């Protein structure tokens, strides 16, 4: 319903942030493995 769902909707969108936070950390070792630690030219 419209009232009890309010914190649940926030939690629903909170979990997408958790997944978004984890993803770059999972990607970092694979990126470093292929491209190393140097920056990319502008």
ModelCIF file with pLDDT and N, C-alpha, C, O atoms, coordinates in Angstrom:
data_MODEL
#
_entry.id   MODEL 
#
_entity.id                         1 
_entity.type                       polymer 
_entity.pdbx_number_of_molecules   1 
#
_entity_poly.entity_id                      1 
_entity_poly.type                           'polypeptide(L)' 
_entity_poly.nstd_linkage                   no 
_entity_poly.nstd_monomer                   no 
_entity_poly.pdbx_seq_one_letter_code       
;(UNK)(UNK)(UNK)(UNK)(UNK)(UNK)(UNK)(UNK)(UNK)(UNK)(UNK)(UNK)(UNK)(UNK)(UNK)(UNK)
(UNK)(UNK)(UNK)(UNK)(UNK)(UNK)(UNK)(UNK)(UNK)(UNK)(UNK)(UNK)(UNK)(UNK)(UNK)(UNK)
(UNK)(UNK)(UNK)(UNK)(UNK)(UNK)(UNK)(UNK)(UNK)(UNK)
;
_entity_poly.pdbx_seq_one_letter_code_can   XXXXXXXXXXXXXXXXXXXXXXXXXXXXXXXXXXXXXXXXXX 
_entity_poly.pdbx_strand_id                 A 
#
loop_
_entity_poly_seq.entity_id 
_entity_poly_seq.num 
_entity_poly_seq.mon_id 
_entity_poly_seq.hetero 
1 1  UNK n 
1 2  UNK n 
1 3  UNK n 
1 4  UNK n 
1 5  UNK n 
1 6  UNK n 
1 7  UNK n 
1 8  UNK n 
1 9  UNK n 
1 10 UNK n 
1 11 UNK n 
1 12 UNK n 
1 13 UNK n 
1 14 UNK n 
1 15 UNK n 
1 16 UNK n 
1 17 UNK n 
1 18 UNK n 
1 19 UNK n 
1 20 UNK n 
1 21 UNK n 
1 22 UNK n 
1 23 UNK n 
1 24 UNK n 
1 25 UNK n 
1 26 UNK n 
1 27 UNK n 
1 28 UNK n 
1 29 UNK n 
1 30 UNK n 
1 31 UNK n 
1 32 UNK n 
1 33 UNK n 
1 34 UNK n 
1 35 UNK n 
1 36 UNK n 
1 37 UNK n 
1 38 UNK n 
1 39 UNK n 
1 40 UNK n 
1 41 UNK n 
1 42 UNK n 
#
_struct_asym.id          A 
_struct_asym.entity_id   1 
#
loop_
_ma_qa_metric.id 
_ma_qa_metric.mode 
_ma_qa_metric.name 
_ma_qa_metric.software_group_id 
_ma_qa_metric.type 
1 global pLDDT . pLDDT 
2 local  pLDDT . pLDDT 
#
_ma_qa_metric_global.metric_id      1 
_ma_qa_metric_global.metric_value   76.31 
_ma_qa_metric_global.model_id       1 
_ma_qa_metric_global.ordinal_id     1 
#
loop_
_ma_qa_metric_local.label_asym_id 
_ma_qa_metric_local.label_comp_id 
_ma_qa_metric_local.label_seq_id 
_ma_qa_metric_local.metric_id 
_ma_qa_metric_local.metric_value 
_ma_qa_metric_local.model_id 
_ma_qa_metric_local.ordinal_id 
A UNK 1  2 77.00 1 1  
A UNK 2  2 72.00 1 2  
A UNK 3  2 74.00 1 3  
A UNK 4  2 77.00 1 4  
A UNK 5  2 79.00 1 5  
A UNK 6  2 81.00 1 6  
A UNK 7  2 86.00 1 7  
A UNK 8  2 89.00 1 8  
A UNK 9  2 86.00 1 9  
A UNK 10 2 84.00 1 10 
A UNK 11 2 88.00 1 11 
A UNK 12 2 89.00 1 12 
A UNK 13 2 82.00 1 13 
A UNK 14 2 83.00 1 14 
A UNK 15 2 86.00 1 15 
A UNK 16 2 80.00 1 16 
A UNK 17 2 74.00 1 17 
A UNK 18 2 82.00 1 18 
A UNK 19 2 86.00 1 19 
A UNK 20 2 79.00 1 20 
A UNK 21 2 77.00 1 21 
A UNK 22 2 86.00 1 22 
A UNK 23 2 87.00 1 23 
A UNK 24 2 82.00 1 24 
A UNK 25 2 85.00 1 25 
A UNK 26 2 89.00 1 26 
A UNK 27 2 87.00 1 27 
A UNK 28 2 83.00 1 28 
A UNK 29 2 86.00 1 29 
A UNK 30 2 85.00 1 30 
A UNK 31 2 82.00 1 31 
A UNK 32 2 80.00 1 32 
A UNK 33 2 81.00 1 33 
A UNK 34 2 74.00 1 34 
A UNK 35 2 70.00 1 35 
A UNK 36 2 64.00 1 36 
A UNK 37 2 53.00 1 37 
A UNK 38 2 45.00 1 38 
A UNK 39 2 47.00 1 39 
A UNK 40 2 45.00 1 40 
A UNK 41 2 44.00 1 41 
A UNK 42 2 39.00 1 42 
#
loop_
_atom_site.group_PDB 
_atom_site.id 
_atom_site.type_symbol 
_atom_site.label_atom_id 
_atom_site.label_alt_id 
_atom_site.label_comp_id 
_atom_site.label_asym_id 
_atom_site.label_entity_id 
_atom_site.label_seq_id 
_atom_site.pdbx_PDB_ins_code 
_atom_site.Cartn_x 
_atom_site.Cartn_y 
_atom_site.Cartn_z 
_atom_site.occupancy 
_atom_site.B_iso_or_equiv 
_atom_site.pdbx_formal_charge 
_atom_site.auth_seq_id 
_atom_site.auth_comp_id 
_atom_site.auth_asym_id 
_atom_site.auth_atom_id 
_atom_site.pdbx_PDB_model_num 
ATOM 1   N N  . UNK A 1 1  ? 0.791  -1.217 0.000   1.00 77.00 ? 1  UNK A N  1 
ATOM 2   C CA . UNK A 1 1  ? 0.000  0.000  0.000   1.00 77.00 ? 1  UNK A CA 1 
ATOM 3   C C  . UNK A 1 1  ? 0.827  1.273  0.000   1.00 77.00 ? 1  UNK A C  1 
ATOM 4   O O  . UNK A 1 1  ? 2.055  1.215  0.066   1.00 77.00 ? 1  UNK A O  1 
ATOM 5   N N  . UNK A 1 2  ? 0.149  2.455  -0.075  1.00 72.00 ? 2  UNK A N  1 
ATOM 6   C CA . UNK A 1 2  ? 0.865  3.736  -0.203  1.00 72.00 ? 2  UNK A CA 1 
ATOM 7   C C  . UNK A 1 2  ? 1.626  4.166  1.043   1.00 72.00 ? 2  UNK A C  1 
ATOM 8   O O  . UNK A 1 2  ? 2.564  4.956  0.933   1.00 72.00 ? 2  UNK A O  1 
ATOM 9   N N  . UNK A 1 3  ? 1.258  3.679  2.219   1.00 74.00 ? 3  UNK A N  1 
ATOM 10  C CA . UNK A 1 3  ? 1.914  4.108  3.458   1.00 74.00 ? 3  UNK A CA 1 
ATOM 11  C C  . UNK A 1 3  ? 3.048  3.170  3.870   1.00 74.00 ? 3  UNK A C  1 
ATOM 12  O O  . UNK A 1 3  ? 4.194  3.599  4.008   1.00 74.00 ? 3  UNK A O  1 
ATOM 13  N N  . UNK A 1 4  ? 2.726  1.889  4.065   1.00 77.00 ? 4  UNK A N  1 
ATOM 14  C CA . UNK A 1 4  ? 3.738  0.929  4.515   1.00 77.00 ? 4  UNK A CA 1 
ATOM 15  C C  . UNK A 1 4  ? 4.831  0.712  3.479   1.00 77.00 ? 4  UNK A C  1 
ATOM 16  O O  . UNK A 1 4  ? 5.927  0.267  3.821   1.00 77.00 ? 4  UNK A O  1 
ATOM 17  N N  . UNK A 1 5  ? 4.548  1.020  2.217   1.00 79.00 ? 5  UNK A N  1 
ATOM 18  C CA . UNK A 1 5  ? 5.538  0.792  1.151   1.00 79.00 ? 5  UNK A CA 1 
ATOM 19  C C  . UNK A 1 5  ? 6.620  1.864  1.111   1.00 79.00 ? 5  UNK A C  1 
ATOM 20  O O  . UNK A 1 5  ? 7.635  1.683  0.439   1.00 79.00 ? 5  UNK A O  1 
ATOM 21  N N  . UNK A 1 6  ? 6.424  2.975  1.815   1.00 81.00 ? 6  UNK A N  1 
ATOM 22  C CA . UNK A 1 6  ? 7.371  4.084  1.704   1.00 81.00 ? 6  UNK A CA 1 
ATOM 23  C C  . UNK A 1 6  ? 8.807  3.680  2.064   1.00 81.00 ? 6  UNK A C  1 
ATOM 24  O O  . UNK A 1 6  ? 9.702  3.895  1.246   1.00 81.00 ? 6  UNK A O  1 
ATOM 25  N N  . UNK A 1 7  ? 9.072  3.110  3.239   1.00 86.00 ? 7  UNK A N  1 
ATOM 26  C CA . UNK A 1 7  ? 10.453 2.695  3.518   1.00 86.00 ? 7  UNK A CA 1 
ATOM 27  C C  . UNK A 1 7  ? 10.906 1.540  2.630   1.00 86.00 ? 7  UNK A C  1 
ATOM 28  O O  . UNK A 1 7  ? 12.097 1.401  2.348   1.00 86.00 ? 7  UNK A O  1 
ATOM 29  N N  . UNK A 1 8  ? 9.954  0.706  2.186   1.00 89.00 ? 8  UNK A N  1 
ATOM 30  C CA . UNK A 1 8  ? 10.315 -0.423 1.327   1.00 89.00 ? 8  UNK A CA 1 
ATOM 31  C C  . UNK A 1 8  ? 10.770 0.052  -0.046  1.00 89.00 ? 8  UNK A C  1 
ATOM 32  O O  . UNK A 1 8  ? 11.688 -0.515 -0.637  1.00 89.00 ? 8  UNK A O  1 
ATOM 33  N N  . UNK A 1 9  ? 10.115 1.103  -0.550  1.00 86.00 ? 9  UNK A N  1 
ATOM 34  C CA . UNK A 1 9  ? 10.518 1.672  -1.847  1.00 86.00 ? 9  UNK A CA 1 
ATOM 35  C C  . UNK A 1 9  ? 11.908 2.288  -1.731  1.00 86.00 ? 9  UNK A C  1 
ATOM 36  O O  . UNK A 1 9  ? 12.717 2.169  -2.651  1.00 86.00 ? 9  UNK A O  1 
ATOM 37  N N  . UNK A 1 10 ? 12.188 2.943  -0.614  1.00 84.00 ? 10 UNK A N  1 
ATOM 38  C CA . UNK A 1 10 ? 13.532 3.487  -0.408  1.00 84.00 ? 10 UNK A CA 1 
ATOM 39  C C  . UNK A 1 10 ? 14.557 2.363  -0.320  1.00 84.00 ? 10 UNK A C  1 
ATOM 40  O O  . UNK A 1 10 ? 15.648 2.472  -0.879  1.00 84.00 ? 10 UNK A O  1 
ATOM 41  N N  . UNK A 1 11 ? 14.211 1.283  0.381   1.00 88.00 ? 11 UNK A N  1 
ATOM 42  C CA . UNK A 1 11 ? 15.122 0.149  0.484   1.00 88.00 ? 11 UNK A CA 1 
ATOM 43  C C  . UNK A 1 11 ? 15.326 -0.498 -0.876  1.00 88.00 ? 11 UNK A C  1 
ATOM 44  O O  . UNK A 1 11 ? 16.419 -0.966 -1.196  1.00 88.00 ? 11 UNK A O  1 
ATOM 45  N N  . UNK A 1 12 ? 14.260 -0.521 -1.673  1.00 89.00 ? 12 UNK A N  1 
ATOM 46  C CA . UNK A 1 12 ? 14.340 -1.064 -3.034  1.00 89.00 ? 12 UNK A CA 1 
ATOM 47  C C  . UNK A 1 12 ? 15.374 -0.298 -3.846  1.00 89.00 ? 12 UNK A C  1 
ATOM 48  O O  . UNK A 1 12 ? 16.181 -0.894 -4.560  1.00 89.00 ? 12 UNK A O  1 
ATOM 49  N N  . UNK A 1 13 ? 15.347 1.015  -3.734  1.00 82.00 ? 13 UNK A N  1 
ATOM 50  C CA . UNK A 1 13 ? 16.303 1.834  -4.471  1.00 82.00 ? 13 UNK A CA 1 
ATOM 51  C C  . UNK A 1 13 ? 17.651 1.947  -3.758  1.00 82.00 ? 13 UNK A C  1 
ATOM 52  O O  . UNK A 1 13 ? 18.651 2.329  -4.365  1.00 82.00 ? 13 UNK A O  1 
ATOM 53  N N  . UNK A 1 14 ? 17.668 1.612  -2.471  1.00 83.00 ? 14 UNK A N  1 
ATOM 54  C CA . UNK A 1 14 ? 18.934 1.553  -1.751  1.00 83.00 ? 14 UNK A CA 1 
ATOM 55  C C  . UNK A 1 14 ? 19.792 0.382  -2.236  1.00 83.00 ? 14 UNK A C  1 
ATOM 56  O O  . UNK A 1 14 ? 21.005 0.519  -2.395  1.00 83.00 ? 14 UNK A O  1 
ATOM 57  N N  . UNK A 1 15 ? 19.159 -0.761 -2.467  1.00 86.00 ? 15 UNK A N  1 
ATOM 58  C CA . UNK A 1 15 ? 19.909 -1.942 -2.880  1.00 86.00 ? 15 UNK A CA 1 
ATOM 59  C C  . UNK A 1 15 ? 20.556 -1.754 -4.248  1.00 86.00 ? 15 UNK A C  1 
ATOM 60  O O  . UNK A 1 15 ? 21.590 -2.361 -4.526  1.00 86.00 ? 15 UNK A O  1 
ATOM 61  N N  . UNK A 1 16 ? 19.969 -0.928 -5.101  1.00 80.00 ? 16 UNK A N  1 
ATOM 62  C CA . UNK A 1 16 ? 20.610 -0.664 -6.390  1.00 80.00 ? 16 UNK A CA 1 
ATOM 63  C C  . UNK A 1 16 ? 21.907 0.110  -6.178  1.00 80.00 ? 16 UNK A C  1 
ATOM 64  O O  . UNK A 1 16 ? 22.857 -0.040 -6.946  1.00 80.00 ? 16 UNK A O  1 
ATOM 65  N N  . UNK A 1 17 ? 21.944 0.942  -5.128  1.00 74.00 ? 17 UNK A N  1 
ATOM 66  C CA . UNK A 1 17 ? 23.170 1.648  -4.797  1.00 74.00 ? 17 UNK A CA 1 
ATOM 67  C C  . UNK A 1 17 ? 24.248 0.719  -4.269  1.00 74.00 ? 17 UNK A C  1 
ATOM 68  O O  . UNK A 1 17 ? 25.432 0.916  -4.541  1.00 74.00 ? 17 UNK A O  1 
ATOM 69  N N  . UNK A 1 18 ? 23.838 -0.301 -3.510  1.00 82.00 ? 18 UNK A N  1 
ATOM 70  C CA . UNK A 1 18 ? 24.803 -1.274 -3.010  1.00 82.00 ? 18 UNK A CA 1 
ATOM 71  C C  . UNK A 1 18 ? 25.438 -2.028 -4.175  1.00 82.00 ? 18 UNK A C  1 
ATOM 72  O O  . UNK A 1 18 ? 26.652 -2.229 -4.213  1.00 82.00 ? 18 UNK A O  1 
ATOM 73  N N  . UNK A 1 19 ? 24.594 -2.443 -5.127  1.00 86.00 ? 19 UNK A N  1 
ATOM 74  C CA . UNK A 1 19 ? 25.119 -3.120 -6.315  1.00 86.00 ? 19 UNK A CA 1 
ATOM 75  C C  . UNK A 1 19 ? 26.030 -2.223 -7.121  1.00 86.00 ? 19 UNK A C  1 
ATOM 76  O O  . UNK A 1 19 ? 27.052 -2.668 -7.643  1.00 86.00 ? 19 UNK A O  1 
ATOM 77  N N  . UNK A 1 20 ? 25.660 -0.953 -7.222  1.00 79.00 ? 20 UNK A N  1 
ATOM 78  C CA . UNK A 1 20 ? 26.494 0.002  -7.941  1.00 79.00 ? 20 UNK A CA 1 
ATOM 79  C C  . UNK A 1 20 ? 27.814 0.256  -7.258  1.00 79.00 ? 20 UNK A C  1 
ATOM 80  O O  . UNK A 1 20 ? 28.824 0.483  -7.924  1.00 79.00 ? 20 UNK A O  1 
ATOM 81  N N  . UNK A 1 21 ? 27.824 0.221  -5.926  1.00 77.00 ? 21 UNK A N  1 
ATOM 82  C CA . UNK A 1 21 ? 29.061 0.411  -5.167  1.00 77.00 ? 21 UNK A CA 1 
ATOM 83  C C  . UNK A 1 21 ? 30.017 -0.759 -5.353  1.00 77.00 ? 21 UNK A C  1 
ATOM 84  O O  . UNK A 1 21 ? 31.226 -0.561 -5.472  1.00 77.00 ? 21 UNK A O  1 
ATOM 85  N N  . UNK A 1 22 ? 29.486 -1.966 -5.377  1.00 86.00 ? 22 UNK A N  1 
ATOM 86  C CA . UNK A 1 22 ? 30.315 -3.169 -5.472  1.00 86.00 ? 22 UNK A CA 1 
ATOM 87  C C  . UNK A 1 22 ? 30.937 -3.318 -6.862  1.00 86.00 ? 22 UNK A C  1 
ATOM 88  O O  . UNK A 1 22 ? 32.081 -3.755 -6.987  1.00 86.00 ? 22 UNK A O  1 
ATOM 89  N N  . UNK A 1 23 ? 30.187 -2.956 -7.902  1.00 87.00 ? 23 UNK A N  1 
ATOM 90  C CA . UNK A 1 23 ? 30.621 -3.211 -9.281  1.00 87.00 ? 23 UNK A CA 1 
ATOM 91  C C  . UNK A 1 23 ? 32.004 -2.665 -9.622  1.00 87.00 ? 23 UNK A C  1 
ATOM 92  O O  . UNK A 1 23 ? 32.810 -3.418 -10.167 1.00 87.00 ? 23 UNK A O  1 
ATOM 93  N N  . UNK A 1 24 ? 32.335 -1.390 -9.334  1.00 82.00 ? 24 UNK A N  1 
ATOM 94  C CA . UNK A 1 24 ? 33.668 -0.903 -9.686  1.00 82.00 ? 24 UNK A CA 1 
ATOM 95  C C  . UNK A 1 24 ? 34.798 -1.649 -8.977  1.00 82.00 ? 24 UNK A C  1 
ATOM 96  O O  . UNK A 1 24 ? 35.883 -1.807 -9.536  1.00 82.00 ? 24 UNK A O  1 
ATOM 97  N N  . UNK A 1 25 ? 34.547 -2.111 -7.742  1.00 85.00 ? 25 UNK A N  1 
ATOM 98  C CA . UNK A 1 25 ? 35.569 -2.868 -7.029  1.00 85.00 ? 25 UNK A CA 1 
ATOM 99  C C  . UNK A 1 25 ? 35.800 -4.224 -7.670  1.00 85.00 ? 25 UNK A C  1 
ATOM 100 O O  . UNK A 1 25 ? 36.925 -4.723 -7.703  1.00 85.00 ? 25 UNK A O  1 
ATOM 101 N N  . UNK A 1 26 ? 34.717 -4.824 -8.184  1.00 89.00 ? 26 UNK A N  1 
ATOM 102 C CA . UNK A 1 26 ? 34.867 -6.093 -8.893  1.00 89.00 ? 26 UNK A CA 1 
ATOM 103 C C  . UNK A 1 26 ? 35.607 -5.868 -10.214 1.00 89.00 ? 26 UNK A C  1 
ATOM 104 O O  . UNK A 1 26 ? 36.408 -6.702 -10.635 1.00 89.00 ? 26 UNK A O  1 
ATOM 105 N N  . UNK A 1 27 ? 35.331 -4.740 -10.858 1.00 87.00 ? 27 UNK A N  1 
ATOM 106 C CA . UNK A 1 27 ? 35.946 -4.456 -12.155 1.00 87.00 ? 27 UNK A CA 1 
ATOM 107 C C  . UNK A 1 27 ? 37.416 -4.041 -12.036 1.00 87.00 ? 27 UNK A C  1 
ATOM 108 O O  . UNK A 1 27 ? 38.206 -4.301 -12.943 1.00 87.00 ? 27 UNK A O  1 
ATOM 109 N N  . UNK A 1 28 ? 37.787 -3.397 -10.925 1.00 83.00 ? 28 UNK A N  1 
ATOM 110 C CA . UNK A 1 28 ? 39.135 -2.820 -10.795 1.00 83.00 ? 28 UNK A CA 1 
ATOM 111 C C  . UNK A 1 28 ? 40.269 -3.817 -11.043 1.00 83.00 ? 28 UNK A C  1 
ATOM 112 O O  . UNK A 1 28 ? 41.169 -3.506 -11.823 1.00 83.00 ? 28 UNK A O  1 
ATOM 113 N N  . UNK A 1 29 ? 40.271 -5.012 -10.412 1.00 86.00 ? 29 UNK A N  1 
ATOM 114 C CA . UNK A 1 29 ? 41.393 -5.933 -10.668 1.00 86.00 ? 29 UNK A CA 1 
ATOM 115 C C  . UNK A 1 29 ? 41.462 -6.410 -12.112 1.00 86.00 ? 29 UNK A C  1 
ATOM 116 O O  . UNK A 1 29 ? 42.553 -6.645 -12.633 1.00 86.00 ? 29 UNK A O  1 
ATOM 117 N N  . UNK A 1 30 ? 40.307 -6.555 -12.768 1.00 85.00 ? 30 UNK A N  1 
ATOM 118 C CA . UNK A 1 30 ? 40.305 -6.967 -14.172 1.00 85.00 ? 30 UNK A CA 1 
ATOM 119 C C  . UNK A 1 30 ? 40.825 -5.852 -15.075 1.00 85.00 ? 30 UNK A C  1 
ATOM 120 O O  . UNK A 1 30 ? 41.535 -6.112 -16.046 1.00 85.00 ? 30 UNK A O  1 
ATOM 121 N N  . UNK A 1 31 ? 40.464 -4.593 -14.744 1.00 82.00 ? 31 UNK A N  1 
ATOM 122 C CA . UNK A 1 31 ? 40.971 -3.448 -15.502 1.00 82.00 ? 31 UNK A CA 1 
ATOM 123 C C  . UNK A 1 31 ? 42.482 -3.299 -15.322 1.00 82.00 ? 31 UNK A C  1 
ATOM 124 O O  . UNK A 1 31 ? 43.209 -3.062 -16.286 1.00 82.00 ? 31 UNK A O  1 
ATOM 125 N N  . UNK A 1 32 ? 42.947 -3.441 -14.073 1.00 80.00 ? 32 UNK A N  1 
ATOM 126 C CA . UNK A 1 32 ? 44.374 -3.329 -13.804 1.00 80.00 ? 32 UNK A CA 1 
ATOM 127 C C  . UNK A 1 32 ? 45.159 -4.464 -14.457 1.00 80.00 ? 32 UNK A C  1 
ATOM 128 O O  . UNK A 1 32 ? 46.287 -4.269 -14.910 1.00 80.00 ? 32 UNK A O  1 
ATOM 129 N N  . UNK A 1 33 ? 44.559 -5.643 -14.500 1.00 81.00 ? 33 UNK A N  1 
ATOM 130 C CA . UNK A 1 33 ? 45.200 -6.797 -15.116 1.00 81.00 ? 33 UNK A CA 1 
ATOM 131 C C  . UNK A 1 33 ? 45.470 -6.565 -16.607 1.00 81.00 ? 33 UNK A C  1 
ATOM 132 O O  . UNK A 1 33 ? 46.492 -6.991 -17.144 1.00 81.00 ? 33 UNK A O  1 
ATOM 133 N N  . UNK A 1 34 ? 44.529 -5.883 -17.256 1.00 74.00 ? 34 UNK A N  1 
ATOM 134 C CA . UNK A 1 34 ? 44.646 -5.675 -18.696 1.00 74.00 ? 34 UNK A CA 1 
ATOM 135 C C  . UNK A 1 34 ? 45.399 -4.392 -19.044 1.00 74.00 ? 34 UNK A C  1 
ATOM 136 O O  . UNK A 1 34 ? 46.215 -4.379 -19.965 1.00 74.00 ? 34 UNK A O  1 
ATOM 137 N N  . UNK A 1 35 ? 45.125 -3.311 -18.308 1.00 70.00 ? 35 UNK A N  1 
ATOM 138 C CA . UNK A 1 35 ? 45.645 -2.006 -18.704 1.00 70.00 ? 35 UNK A CA 1 
ATOM 139 C C  . UNK A 1 35 ? 46.704 -1.446 -17.766 1.00 70.00 ? 35 UNK A C  1 
ATOM 140 O O  . UNK A 1 35 ? 47.319 -0.430 -18.089 1.00 70.00 ? 35 UNK A O  1 
ATOM 141 N N  . UNK A 1 36 ? 46.940 -2.073 -16.614 1.00 64.00 ? 36 UNK A N  1 
ATOM 142 C CA . UNK A 1 36 ? 47.929 -1.560 -15.678 1.00 64.00 ? 36 UNK A CA 1 
ATOM 143 C C  . UNK A 1 36 ? 47.372 -0.405 -14.873 1.00 64.00 ? 36 UNK A C  1 
ATOM 144 O O  . UNK A 1 36 ? 46.166 -0.160 -14.876 1.00 64.00 ? 36 UNK A O  1 
ATOM 145 N N  . UNK A 1 37 ? 48.255 0.308  -14.181 1.00 53.00 ? 37 UNK A N  1 
ATOM 146 C CA . UNK A 1 37 ? 47.834 1.369  -13.270 1.00 53.00 ? 37 UNK A CA 1 
ATOM 147 C C  . UNK A 1 37 ? 48.047 2.774  -13.831 1.00 53.00 ? 37 UNK A C  1 
ATOM 148 O O  . UNK A 1 37 ? 47.743 3.753  -13.150 1.00 53.00 ? 37 UNK A O  1 
ATOM 149 N N  . UNK A 1 38 ? 48.560 2.895  -15.050 1.00 45.00 ? 38 UNK A N  1 
ATOM 150 C CA . UNK A 1 38 ? 48.819 4.232  -15.578 1.00 45.00 ? 38 UNK A CA 1 
ATOM 151 C C  . UNK A 1 38 ? 47.536 4.882  -16.018 1.00 45.00 ? 38 UNK A C  1 
ATOM 152 O O  . UNK A 1 38 ? 46.554 4.200  -16.310 1.00 45.00 ? 38 UNK A O  1 
ATOM 153 N N  . UNK A 1 39 ? 47.536 6.221  -16.068 1.00 47.00 ? 39 UNK A N  1 
ATOM 154 C CA . UNK A 1 39 ? 46.372 6.938  -16.542 1.00 47.00 ? 39 UNK A CA 1 
ATOM 155 C C  . UNK A 1 39 ? 46.287 6.878  -18.052 1.00 47.00 ? 39 UNK A C  1 
ATOM 156 O O  . UNK A 1 39 ? 47.220 6.438  -18.725 1.00 47.00 ? 39 UNK A O  1 
ATOM 157 N N  . UNK A 1 40 ? 45.168 7.321  -18.570 1.00 45.00 ? 40 UNK A N  1 
ATOM 158 C CA . UNK A 1 40 ? 44.946 7.343  -20.006 1.00 45.00 ? 40 UNK A CA 1 
ATOM 159 C C  . UNK A 1 40 ? 45.113 8.774  -20.497 1.00 45.00 ? 40 UNK A C  1 
ATOM 160 O O  . UNK A 1 40 ? 44.733 9.726  -19.814 1.00 45.00 ? 40 UNK A O  1 
ATOM 161 N N  . UNK A 1 41 ? 45.671 8.912  -21.661 1.00 44.00 ? 41 UNK A N  1 
ATOM 162 C CA . UNK A 1 41 ? 45.911 10.227 -22.242 1.00 44.00 ? 41 UNK A CA 1 
ATOM 163 C C  . UNK A 1 41 ? 44.604 10.999 -22.388 1.00 44.00 ? 41 UNK A C  1 
ATOM 164 O O  . UNK A 1 41 ? 43.569 10.392 -22.665 1.00 44.00 ? 41 UNK A O  1 
ATOM 165 N N  . UNK A 1 42 ? 44.622 12.345 -22.205 1.00 39.00 ? 42 UNK A N  1 
ATOM 166 C CA . UNK A 1 42 ? 43.414 13.127 -22.386 1.00 39.00 ? 42 UNK A CA 1 
ATOM 167 C C  . UNK A 1 42 ? 42.778 12.968 -23.761 1.00 39.00 ? 42 UNK A C  1 
ATOM 168 O O  . UNK A 1 42 ? 41.747 13.581 -24.038 1.00 39.00 ? 42 UNK A O  1 
#
